[in-house]
PDB file of N, CA and C in Angstrom:
ATOM      1  N   MET A   1    -139.473  20.487-118.586  1.00  0.00           N
ATOM      2  CA  MET A   1    -140.432  21.396-119.125  1.00  0.00           C
ATOM      3  C   MET A   1    -140.712  22.462-118.065  1.00  0.00           C
ATOM      4  N   THR A   2    -140.885  23.662-118.533  1.00  0.00           N
ATOM      5  CA  THR A   2    -141.256  24.745-117.636  1.00  0.00           C
ATOM      6  C   THR A   2    -142.129  25.729-118.399  1.00  0.00           C
ATOM      7  N   TYR A   3    -142.866  26.522-117.677  1.00  0.00           N
ATOM      8  CA  TYR A   3    -143.707  27.565-118.263  1.00  0.00           C
ATOM      9  C   TYR A   3    -143.190  28.920-117.826  1.00  0.00           C
ATOM     10  N   VAL A   4    -143.149  29.867-118.750  1.00  0.00           N
ATOM     11  CA  VAL A   4    -142.822  31.253-118.429  1.00  0.00           C
ATOM     12  C   VAL A   4    -144.138  32.015-118.598  1.00  0.00           C
ATOM     13  N   TYR A   5    -144.884  32.136-117.512  1.00  0.00           N
ATOM     14  CA  TYR A   5    -146.228  32.720-117.582  1.00  0.00           C
ATOM     15  C   TYR A   5    -146.218  34.158-118.088  1.00  0.00           C
ATOM     16  N   ALA A   6    -145.240  34.953-117.665  1.00  0.00           N
ATOM     17  CA  ALA A   6    -145.201  36.365-118.057  1.00  0.00           C
ATOM     18  C   ALA A   6    -145.050  36.530-119.565  1.00  0.00           C
ATOM     19  N   GLU A   7    -144.422  35.547-120.233  1.00  0.00           N
ATOM     20  CA  GLU A   7    -144.204  35.627-121.673  1.00  0.00           C
ATOM     21  C   GLU A   7    -145.092  34.668-122.463  1.00  0.00           C
ATOM     22  N   SER A   8    -146.008  33.980-121.767  1.00  0.00           N
ATOM     23  CA  SER A   8    -146.887  32.986-122.407  1.00  0.00           C
ATOM     24  C   SER A   8    -146.075  32.014-123.255  1.00  0.00           C
ATOM     25  N   THR A   9    -145.069  31.408-122.638  1.00  0.00           N
ATOM     26  CA  THR A   9    -144.168  30.515-123.338  1.00  0.00           C
ATOM     27  C   THR A   9    -143.980  29.229-122.534  1.00  0.00           C
ATOM     28  N   ALA A  10    -144.010  28.094-123.232  1.00  0.00           N
ATOM     29  CA  ALA A  10    -143.673  26.807-122.637  1.00  0.00           C
ATOM     30  C   ALA A  10    -142.339  26.382-123.227  1.00  0.00           C
ATOM     31  N   VAL A  11    -141.437  25.884-122.388  1.00  0.00           N
ATOM     32  CA  VAL A  11    -140.106  25.493-122.829  1.00  0.00           C
ATOM     33  C   VAL A  11    -139.912  24.011-122.503  1.00  0.00           C
ATOM     34  N   VAL A  12    -139.562  23.224-123.536  1.00  0.00           N
ATOM     35  CA  VAL A  12    -139.301  21.796-123.360  1.00  0.00           C
ATOM     36  C   VAL A  12    -137.852  21.549-123.730  1.00  0.00           C
ATOM     37  N   GLY A  13    -137.085  21.003-122.790  1.00  0.00           N
ATOM     38  CA  GLY A  13    -135.668  20.755-123.033  1.00  0.00           C
ATOM     39  C   GLY A  13    -135.190  19.540-122.284  1.00  0.00           C
ATOM     40  N   PRO A  14    -133.883  19.352-122.207  1.00  0.00           N
ATOM     41  CA  PRO A  14    -133.337  18.185-121.506  1.00  0.00           C
ATOM     42  C   PRO A  14    -133.627  18.236-120.002  1.00  0.00           C
ATOM     43  N   LEU A  15    -133.460  17.094-119.355  1.00  0.00           N
ATOM     44  CA  LEU A  15    -133.692  17.014-117.917  1.00  0.00           C
ATOM     45  C   LEU A  15    -132.754  17.938-117.161  1.00  0.00           C
ATOM     46  N   ALA A  16    -133.257  18.511-116.097  1.00  0.00           N
ATOM     47  CA  ALA A  16    -132.442  19.384-115.261  1.00  0.00           C
ATOM     48  C   ALA A  16    -131.461  18.539-114.448  1.00  0.00           C
ATOM     49  N   VAL A  17    -130.267  19.065-114.231  1.00  0.00           N
ATOM     50  CA  VAL A  17    -129.267  18.371-113.427  1.00  0.00           C
ATOM     51  C   VAL A  17    -129.615  18.497-111.953  1.00  0.00           C
ATOM     52  N   ASN A  18    -130.102  19.664-111.550  1.00  0.00           N
ATOM     53  CA  ASN A  18    -130.492  19.915-110.162  1.00  0.00           C
ATOM     54  C   ASN A  18    -131.986  20.203-110.112  1.00  0.00           C
ATOM     55  N   PRO A  19    -132.629  19.893-108.981  1.00  0.00           N
ATOM     56  CA  PRO A  19    -134.050  20.203-108.868  1.00  0.00           C
ATOM     57  C   PRO A  19    -134.300  21.710-108.983  1.00  0.00           C
ATOM     58  N   GLU A  20    -135.256  22.077-109.765  1.00  0.00           N
ATOM     59  CA  GLU A  20    -135.625  23.478-109.949  1.00  0.00           C
ATOM     60  C   GLU A  20    -137.118  23.621-109.670  1.00  0.00           C
ATOM     61  N   PRO A  21    -137.522  24.670-108.957  1.00  0.00           N
ATOM     62  CA  PRO A  21    -138.957  24.857-108.728  1.00  0.00           C
ATOM     63  C   PRO A  21    -139.659  25.182-110.045  1.00  0.00           C
ATOM     64  N   HIS A  22    -140.865  24.730-110.173  1.00  0.00           N
ATOM     65  CA  HIS A  22    -141.723  25.013-111.327  1.00  0.00           C
ATOM     66  C   HIS A  22    -141.203  24.404-112.619  1.00  0.00           C
ATOM     67  N   THR A  23    -140.426  23.329-112.533  1.00  0.00           N
ATOM     68  CA  THR A  23    -140.023  22.590-113.725  1.00  0.00           C
ATOM     69  C   THR A  23    -140.504  21.157-113.555  1.00  0.00           C
ATOM     70  N   TYR A  24    -140.724  20.486-114.655  1.00  0.00           N
ATOM     71  CA  TYR A  24    -141.273  19.133-114.623  1.00  0.00           C
ATOM     72  C   TYR A  24    -140.482  18.259-115.576  1.00  0.00           C
ATOM     73  N   ASP A  25    -140.070  17.076-115.124  1.00  0.00           N
ATOM     74  CA  ASP A  25    -139.363  16.131-115.969  1.00  0.00           C
ATOM     75  C   ASP A  25    -140.400  15.286-116.708  1.00  0.00           C
ATOM     76  N   LEU A  26    -140.222  15.168-118.016  1.00  0.00           N
ATOM     77  CA  LEU A  26    -141.120  14.384-118.853  1.00  0.00           C
ATOM     78  C   LEU A  26    -140.345  13.263-119.522  1.00  0.00           C
ATOM     79  N   CYS A  27    -141.022  12.152-119.789  1.00  0.00           N
ATOM     80  CA  CYS A  27    -140.385  11.113-120.588  1.00  0.00           C
ATOM     81  C   CYS A  27    -140.283  11.626-122.027  1.00  0.00           C
ATOM     82  N   GLU A  28    -139.463  10.965-122.833  1.00  0.00           N
ATOM     83  CA  GLU A  28    -139.232  11.433-124.197  1.00  0.00           C
ATOM     84  C   GLU A  28    -140.519  11.487-125.004  1.00  0.00           C
ATOM     85  N   SER A  29    -141.366  10.487-124.862  1.00  0.00           N
ATOM     86  CA  SER A  29    -142.624  10.454-125.610  1.00  0.00           C
ATOM     87  C   SER A  29    -143.501  11.669-125.292  1.00  0.00           C
ATOM     88  N   HIS A  30    -143.646  11.974-124.023  1.00  0.00           N
ATOM     89  CA  HIS A  30    -144.471  13.116-123.626  1.00  0.00           C
ATOM     90  C   HIS A  30    -143.795  14.442-123.975  1.00  0.00           C
ATOM     91  N   ALA A  31    -142.471  14.496-123.882  1.00  0.00           N
ATOM     92  CA  ALA A  31    -141.759  15.730-124.232  1.00  0.00           C
ATOM     93  C   ALA A  31    -141.949  16.050-125.714  1.00  0.00           C
ATOM     94  N   ARG A  32    -141.951  15.021-126.552  1.00  0.00           N
ATOM     95  CA  ARG A  32    -142.112  15.247-127.988  1.00  0.00           C
ATOM     96  C   ARG A  32    -143.554  15.567-128.380  1.00  0.00           C
ATOM     97  N   SER A  33    -144.529  15.086-127.609  1.00  0.00           N
ATOM     98  CA  SER A  33    -145.933  15.292-127.990  1.00  0.00           C
ATOM     99  C   SER A  33    -146.609  16.453-127.245  1.00  0.00           C
ATOM    100  N   LEU A  34    -145.889  17.107-126.355  1.00  0.00           N
ATOM    101  CA  LEU A  34    -146.468  18.204-125.573  1.00  0.00           C
ATOM    102  C   LEU A  34    -146.914  19.356-126.476  1.00  0.00           C
ATOM    103  N   THR A  35    -148.052  19.918-126.180  1.00  0.00           N
ATOM    104  CA  THR A  35    -148.525  21.116-126.870  1.00  0.00           C
ATOM    105  C   THR A  35    -148.716  22.220-125.844  1.00  0.00           C
ATOM    106  N   ALA A  36    -148.619  23.459-126.297  1.00  0.00           N
ATOM    107  CA  ALA A  36    -148.787  24.612-125.408  1.00  0.00           C
ATOM    108  C   ALA A  36    -150.234  25.085-125.471  1.00  0.00           C
ATOM    109  N   PRO A  37    -150.681  25.793-124.455  1.00  0.00           N
ATOM    110  CA  PRO A  37    -152.033  26.351-124.489  1.00  0.00           C
ATOM    111  C   PRO A  37    -152.208  27.301-125.676  1.00  0.00           C
ATOM    112  N   ARG A  38    -153.431  27.437-126.118  1.00  0.00           N
ATOM    113  CA  ARG A  38    -153.740  28.336-127.240  1.00  0.00           C
ATOM    114  C   ARG A  38    -153.228  29.743-126.937  1.00  0.00           C
ATOM    115  N   GLY A  39    -152.543  30.333-127.911  1.00  0.00           N
ATOM    116  CA  GLY A  39    -151.999  31.675-127.747  1.00  0.00           C
ATOM    117  C   GLY A  39    -150.605  31.709-127.140  1.00  0.00           C
ATOM    118  N   TRP A  40    -150.078  30.566-126.757  1.00  0.00           N
ATOM    119  CA  TRP A  40    -148.748  30.490-126.172  1.00  0.00           C
ATOM    120  C   TRP A  40    -147.747  30.047-127.222  1.00  0.00           C
ATOM    121  N   GLU A  41    -146.468  30.387-126.994  1.00  0.00           N
ATOM    122  CA  GLU A  41    -145.388  29.929-127.852  1.00  0.00           C
ATOM    123  C   GLU A  41    -144.762  28.702-127.198  1.00  0.00           C
ATOM    124  N   LEU A  42    -144.379  27.719-128.020  1.00  0.00           N
ATOM    125  CA  LEU A  42    -143.714  26.519-127.514  1.00  0.00           C
ATOM    126  C   LEU A  42    -142.281  26.520-128.030  1.00  0.00           C
ATOM    127  N   VAL A  43    -141.314  26.545-127.122  1.00  0.00           N
ATOM    128  CA  VAL A  43    -139.899  26.482-127.478  1.00  0.00           C
ATOM    129  C   VAL A  43    -139.453  25.066-127.154  1.00  0.00           C
ATOM    130  N   ARG A  44    -138.949  24.360-128.177  1.00  0.00           N
ATOM    131  CA  ARG A  44    -138.586  22.955-128.010  1.00  0.00           C
ATOM    132  C   ARG A  44    -137.103  22.756-128.314  1.00  0.00           C
ATOM    133  N   TYR A  45    -136.423  21.968-127.498  1.00  0.00           N
ATOM    134  CA  TYR A  45    -135.024  21.600-127.685  1.00  0.00           C
ATOM    135  C   TYR A  45    -134.919  20.730-128.933  1.00  0.00           C
ATOM    136  N   ASP A  46    -134.010  21.059-129.851  1.00  0.00           N
ATOM    137  CA  ASP A  46    -133.894  20.340-131.118  1.00  0.00           C
ATOM    138  C   ASP A  46    -132.989  19.119-131.053  1.00  0.00           C
ATOM    139  N   GLY A  47    -132.190  18.975-130.017  1.00  0.00           N
ATOM    140  CA  GLY A  47    -131.249  17.854-129.929  1.00  0.00           C
ATOM    141  C   GLY A  47    -131.930  16.570-129.500  1.00  0.00           C
ATOM    142  N   GLU A  48    -131.103  15.551-129.307  1.00  0.00           N
ATOM    143  CA  GLU A  48    -131.603  14.267-128.836  1.00  0.00           C
ATOM    144  C   GLU A  48    -131.806  14.326-127.325  1.00  0.00           C
ATOM    145  N   PHE A  49    -132.843  13.656-126.856  1.00  0.00           N
ATOM    146  CA  PHE A  49    -133.084  13.560-125.417  1.00  0.00           C
ATOM    147  C   PHE A  49    -132.286  12.376-124.896  1.00  0.00           C
ATOM    148  N   GLU A  50    -131.378  12.631-123.971  1.00  0.00           N
ATOM    149  CA  GLU A  50    -130.555  11.573-123.406  1.00  0.00           C
ATOM    150  C   GLU A  50    -131.206  11.042-122.142  1.00  0.00           C
ATOM    151  N   PRO A  51    -130.995   9.760-121.846  1.00  0.00           N
ATOM    152  CA  PRO A  51    -131.549   9.235-120.595  1.00  0.00           C
ATOM    153  C   PRO A  51    -130.903   9.942-119.409  1.00  0.00           C
ATOM    154  N   PRO A  52    -131.625  10.064-118.309  1.00  0.00           N
ATOM    155  CA  PRO A  52    -131.055  10.740-117.143  1.00  0.00           C
ATOM    156  C   PRO A  52    -129.880   9.944-116.573  1.00  0.00           C
ATOM    157  N   PRO A  53    -128.952  10.627-115.916  1.00  0.00           N
ATOM    158  CA  PRO A  53    -127.816   9.911-115.313  1.00  0.00           C
ATOM    159  C   PRO A  53    -128.294   9.060-114.143  1.00  0.00           C
ATOM    160  N   PRO A  54    -127.517   8.028-113.757  1.00  0.00           N
ATOM    161  CA  PRO A  54    -127.909   7.204-112.605  1.00  0.00           C
ATOM    162  C   PRO A  54    -128.053   8.072-111.351  1.00  0.00           C
ATOM    163  N   THR A  55    -128.942   7.674-110.485  1.00  0.00           N
ATOM    164  CA  THR A  55    -129.186   8.441-109.271  1.00  0.00           C
ATOM    165  C   THR A  55    -129.306   7.511-108.076  1.00  0.00           C
ATOM    166  N   THR A  56    -129.082   8.028-106.910  1.00  0.00           N
ATOM    167  CA  THR A  56    -129.250   7.251-105.685  1.00  0.00           C
ATOM    168  C   THR A  56    -130.574   7.580-105.009  1.00  0.00           C
ATOM    169  N   ASP A  57    -131.386   8.404-105.641  1.00  0.00           N
ATOM    170  CA  ASP A  57    -132.675   8.785-105.083  1.00  0.00           C
ATOM    171  C   ASP A  57    -133.576   7.545-104.986  1.00  0.00           C
ATOM    172  N   ASP A  58    -134.095   7.264-103.810  1.00  0.00           N
ATOM    173  CA  ASP A  58    -134.911   6.074-103.592  1.00  0.00           C
ATOM    174  C   ASP A  58    -136.165   6.061-104.467  1.00  0.00           C
ATOM    175  N   LEU A  59    -136.825   7.199-104.633  1.00  0.00           N
ATOM    176  CA  LEU A  59    -138.045   7.239-105.424  1.00  0.00           C
ATOM    177  C   LEU A  59    -137.752   6.938-106.894  1.00  0.00           C
ATOM    178  N   VAL A  60    -136.664   7.500-107.412  1.00  0.00           N
ATOM    179  CA  VAL A  60    -136.278   7.236-108.800  1.00  0.00           C
ATOM    180  C   VAL A  60    -135.881   5.769-108.943  1.00  0.00           C
ATOM    181  N   ALA A  61    -135.159   5.243-107.981  1.00  0.00           N
ATOM    182  CA  ALA A  61    -134.760   3.837-108.030  1.00  0.00           C
ATOM    183  C   ALA A  61    -135.993   2.939-108.024  1.00  0.00           C
ATOM    184  N   LEU A  62    -136.995   3.278-107.247  1.00  0.00           N
ATOM    185  CA  LEU A  62    -138.236   2.514-107.211  1.00  0.00           C
ATOM    186  C   LEU A  62    -138.946   2.583-108.560  1.00  0.00           C
ATOM    187  N   ALA A  63    -139.041   3.774-109.141  1.00  0.00           N
ATOM    188  CA  ALA A  63    -139.685   3.920-110.449  1.00  0.00           C
ATOM    189  C   ALA A  63    -138.938   3.118-111.511  1.00  0.00           C
ATOM    190  N   ASP A  64    -137.604   3.140-111.481  1.00  0.00           N
ATOM    191  CA  ASP A  64    -136.822   2.363-112.440  1.00  0.00           C
ATOM    192  C   ASP A  64    -137.059   0.865-112.252  1.00  0.00           C
ATOM    193  N   ALA A  65    -137.141   0.413-111.019  1.00  0.00           N
ATOM    194  CA  ALA A  65    -137.391  -1.004-110.748  1.00  0.00           C
ATOM    195  C   ALA A  65    -138.773  -1.420-111.253  1.00  0.00           C
ATOM    196  N   VAL A  66    -139.771  -0.568-111.078  1.00  0.00           N
ATOM    197  CA  VAL A  66    -141.122  -0.867-111.568  1.00  0.00           C
ATOM    198  C   VAL A  66    -141.112  -0.949-113.087  1.00  0.00           C
ATOM    199  N   ARG A  67    -140.432   0.006-113.760  1.00  0.00           N
ATOM    200  CA  ARG A  67    -140.344  -0.036-115.223  1.00  0.00           C
ATOM    201  C   ARG A  67    -139.663  -1.318-115.697  1.00  0.00           C
ATOM    202  N   GLU A  68    -138.566  -1.693-115.031  1.00  0.00           N
ATOM    203  CA  GLU A  68    -137.833  -2.893-115.422  1.00  0.00           C
ATOM    204  C   GLU A  68    -138.695  -4.139-115.230  1.00  0.00           C
ATOM    205  N   ALA A  69    -139.428  -4.209-114.136  1.00  0.00           N
ATOM    206  CA  ALA A  69    -140.291  -5.362-113.877  1.00  0.00           C
ATOM    207  C   ALA A  69    -141.438  -5.447-114.880  1.00  0.00           C
ATOM    208  N   ALA A  70    -141.870  -4.320-115.419  1.00  0.00           N
ATOM    209  CA  ALA A  70    -142.989  -4.307-116.362  1.00  0.00           C
ATOM    210  C   ALA A  70    -142.569  -4.690-117.774  1.00  0.00           C
ATOM    211  N   ARG A  71    -141.268  -4.652-118.060  1.00  0.00           N
ATOM    212  CA  ARG A  71    -140.793  -5.024-119.395  1.00  0.00           C
ATOM    213  C   ARG A  71    -141.008  -6.512-119.614  1.00  0.00           C
ATOM    214  N   PRO A  72    -141.384  -6.901-120.850  1.00  0.00           N
ATOM    215  CA  PRO A  72    -141.561  -8.330-121.126  1.00  0.00           C
ATOM    216  C   PRO A  72    -140.230  -9.069-121.015  1.00  0.00           C
ATOM    217  N   SER A  73    -140.297 -10.289-120.571  1.00  0.00           N
ATOM    218  CA  SER A  73    -139.101 -11.113-120.428  1.00  0.00           C
ATOM    219  C   SER A  73    -138.568 -11.481-121.805  1.00  0.00           C
ATOM    220  N   ARG A  74    -137.238 -11.404-121.975  1.00  0.00           N
ATOM    221  CA  ARG A  74    -136.626 -11.771-123.254  1.00  0.00           C
ATOM    222  C   ARG A  74    -136.644 -13.278-123.453  1.00  0.00           C
ATOM    223  N   ALA A  75    -136.788 -14.034-122.380  1.00  0.00           N
ATOM    224  CA  ALA A  75    -136.789 -15.486-122.476  1.00  0.00           C
ATOM    225  C   ALA A  75    -138.171 -16.040-122.828  1.00  0.00           C
ATOM    226  N   ALA A  76    -139.147 -15.171-123.033  1.00  0.00           N
ATOM    227  CA  ALA A  76    -140.495 -15.619-123.336  1.00  0.00           C
ATOM    228  C   ALA A  76    -140.516 -16.339-124.679  1.00  0.00           C
ATOM    229  N   ASP A  77    -141.378 -17.337-124.778  1.00  0.00           N
ATOM    230  CA  ASP A  77    -141.519 -18.110-126.009  1.00  0.00           C
ATOM    231  C   ASP A  77    -142.145 -17.228-127.081  1.00  0.00           C
ATOM    232  N   PRO A  78    -141.475 -17.043-128.244  1.00  0.00           N
ATOM    233  CA  PRO A  78    -142.013 -16.164-129.283  1.00  0.00           C
ATOM    234  C   PRO A  78    -143.320 -16.683-129.885  1.00  0.00           C
ATOM    235  N   ALA A  79    -143.603 -17.997-129.732  1.00  0.00           N
ATOM    236  CA  ALA A  79    -144.847 -18.542-130.270  1.00  0.00           C
ATOM    237  C   ALA A  79    -146.037 -18.234-129.373  1.00  0.00           C
ATOM    238  N   THR A  80    -145.783 -17.852-128.139  1.00  0.00           N
ATOM    239  CA  THR A  80    -146.867 -17.535-127.200  1.00  0.00           C
ATOM    240  C   THR A  80    -147.377 -16.130-127.482  1.00  0.00           C
ATOM    241  N   PRO A  81    -148.702 -15.988-127.704  1.00  0.00           N
ATOM    242  CA  PRO A  81    -149.231 -14.633-127.968  1.00  0.00           C
ATOM    243  C   PRO A  81    -149.122 -13.760-126.721  1.00  0.00           C
ATOM    244  N   PRO A  82    -148.914 -12.461-126.912  1.00  0.00           N
ATOM    245  CA  PRO A  82    -148.821 -11.565-125.752  1.00  0.00           C
ATOM    246  C   PRO A  82    -150.185 -11.440-125.072  1.00  0.00           C
ATOM    247  N   PRO A  83    -150.185 -11.155-123.774  1.00  0.00           N
ATOM    248  CA  PRO A  83    -151.460 -10.974-123.080  1.00  0.00           C
ATOM    249  C   PRO A  83    -152.174  -9.733-123.605  1.00  0.00           C
ATOM    250  N   PRO A  84    -153.502  -9.668-123.441  1.00  0.00           N
ATOM    251  CA  PRO A  84    -154.233  -8.486-123.914  1.00  0.00           C
ATOM    252  C   PRO A  84    -153.776  -7.243-123.159  1.00  0.00           C
ATOM    253  N   PRO A  85    -153.778  -6.080-123.835  1.00  0.00           N
ATOM    254  CA  PRO A  85    -153.333  -4.851-123.156  1.00  0.00           C
ATOM    255  C   PRO A  85    -154.265  -4.480-122.016  1.00  0.00           C
ATOM    256  N   THR A  86    -153.671  -3.927-120.973  1.00  0.00           N
ATOM    257  CA  THR A  86    -154.452  -3.436-119.838  1.00  0.00           C
ATOM    258  C   THR A  86    -154.102  -1.985-119.605  1.00  0.00           C
ATOM    259  N   ARG A  87    -155.006  -1.259-119.012  1.00  0.00           N
ATOM    260  CA  ARG A  87    -154.750   0.157-118.720  1.00  0.00           C
ATOM    261  C   ARG A  87    -153.907   0.234-117.470  1.00  0.00           C
ATOM    262  N   ARG A  88    -152.798   0.957-117.574  1.00  0.00           N
ATOM    263  CA  ARG A  88    -151.916   1.138-116.431  1.00  0.00           C
ATOM    264  C   ARG A  88    -151.868   2.612-116.068  1.00  0.00           C
ATOM    265  N   GLY A  89    -151.741   2.889-114.798  1.00  0.00           N
ATOM    266  CA  GLY A  89    -151.585   4.269-114.358  1.00  0.00           C
ATOM    267  C   GLY A  89    -150.157   4.742-114.614  1.00  0.00           C
ATOM    268  N   HIS A  90    -149.927   6.010-114.505  1.00  0.00           N
ATOM    269  CA  HIS A  90    -148.598   6.590-114.700  1.00  0.00           C
ATOM    270  C   HIS A  90    -148.093   7.139-113.370  1.00  0.00           C
ATOM    271  N   LEU A  91    -146.811   7.004-113.163  1.00  0.00           N
ATOM    272  CA  LEU A  91    -146.197   7.632-111.996  1.00  0.00           C
ATOM    273  C   LEU A  91    -146.098   9.119-112.266  1.00  0.00           C
ATOM    274  N   ARG A  92    -146.281   9.924-111.262  1.00  0.00           N
ATOM    275  CA  ARG A  92    -146.099  11.361-111.450  1.00  0.00           C
ATOM    276  C   ARG A  92    -145.484  11.931-110.195  1.00  0.00           C
ATOM    277  N   ALA A  93    -144.727  12.986-110.405  1.00  0.00           N
ATOM    278  CA  ALA A  93    -144.071  13.662-109.299  1.00  0.00           C
ATOM    279  C   ALA A  93    -144.964  14.799-108.817  1.00  0.00           C
ATOM    280  N   VAL A  94    -145.073  14.922-107.522  1.00  0.00           N
ATOM    281  CA  VAL A  94    -145.855  15.997-106.932  1.00  0.00           C
ATOM    282  C   VAL A  94    -144.872  16.997-106.325  1.00  0.00           C
ATOM    283  N   PRO A  95    -144.948  18.268-106.736  1.00  0.00           N
ATOM    284  CA  PRO A  95    -144.003  19.237-106.177  1.00  0.00           C
ATOM    285  C   PRO A  95    -144.176  19.376-104.661  1.00  0.00           C
ATOM    286  N   PRO A  96    -143.097  19.616-103.939  1.00  0.00           N
ATOM    287  CA  PRO A  96    -143.193  19.756-102.485  1.00  0.00           C
ATOM    288  C   PRO A  96    -143.991  21.017-102.122  1.00  0.00           C
ATOM    289  N   PRO A  97    -144.660  20.995-100.967  1.00  0.00           N
ATOM    290  CA  PRO A  97    -145.401  22.194-100.539  1.00  0.00           C
ATOM    291  C   PRO A  97    -144.445  23.357-100.300  1.00  0.00           C
ATOM    292  N   GLN A  98    -144.927  24.525-100.556  1.00  0.00           N
ATOM    293  CA  GLN A  98    -144.076  25.713-100.391  1.00  0.00           C
ATOM    294  C   GLN A  98    -144.402  26.450 -99.122  1.00  0.00           C
TER     295      GLN A  98
END
């Protein structure tokens, strides 16, 4: 996702292959539910969002490991009720200082 301030436009599309300043990677759920500020145009990619390619980036690997650990175990007994939902924080990327 990126914003074009001069044209009052927000653009949501597939993940960037290379890091770009002023762009933000969103999960599919957030990419589909994003809204633009009042008076702005929202340009949205119409295709399917593909998962990002594998990476050797340590931070991404850590985030993937946390997501995998948070998934329910497939070996869990189906008769056992799931635990009550808890509020979890979200990981977010902070752009580097300029």
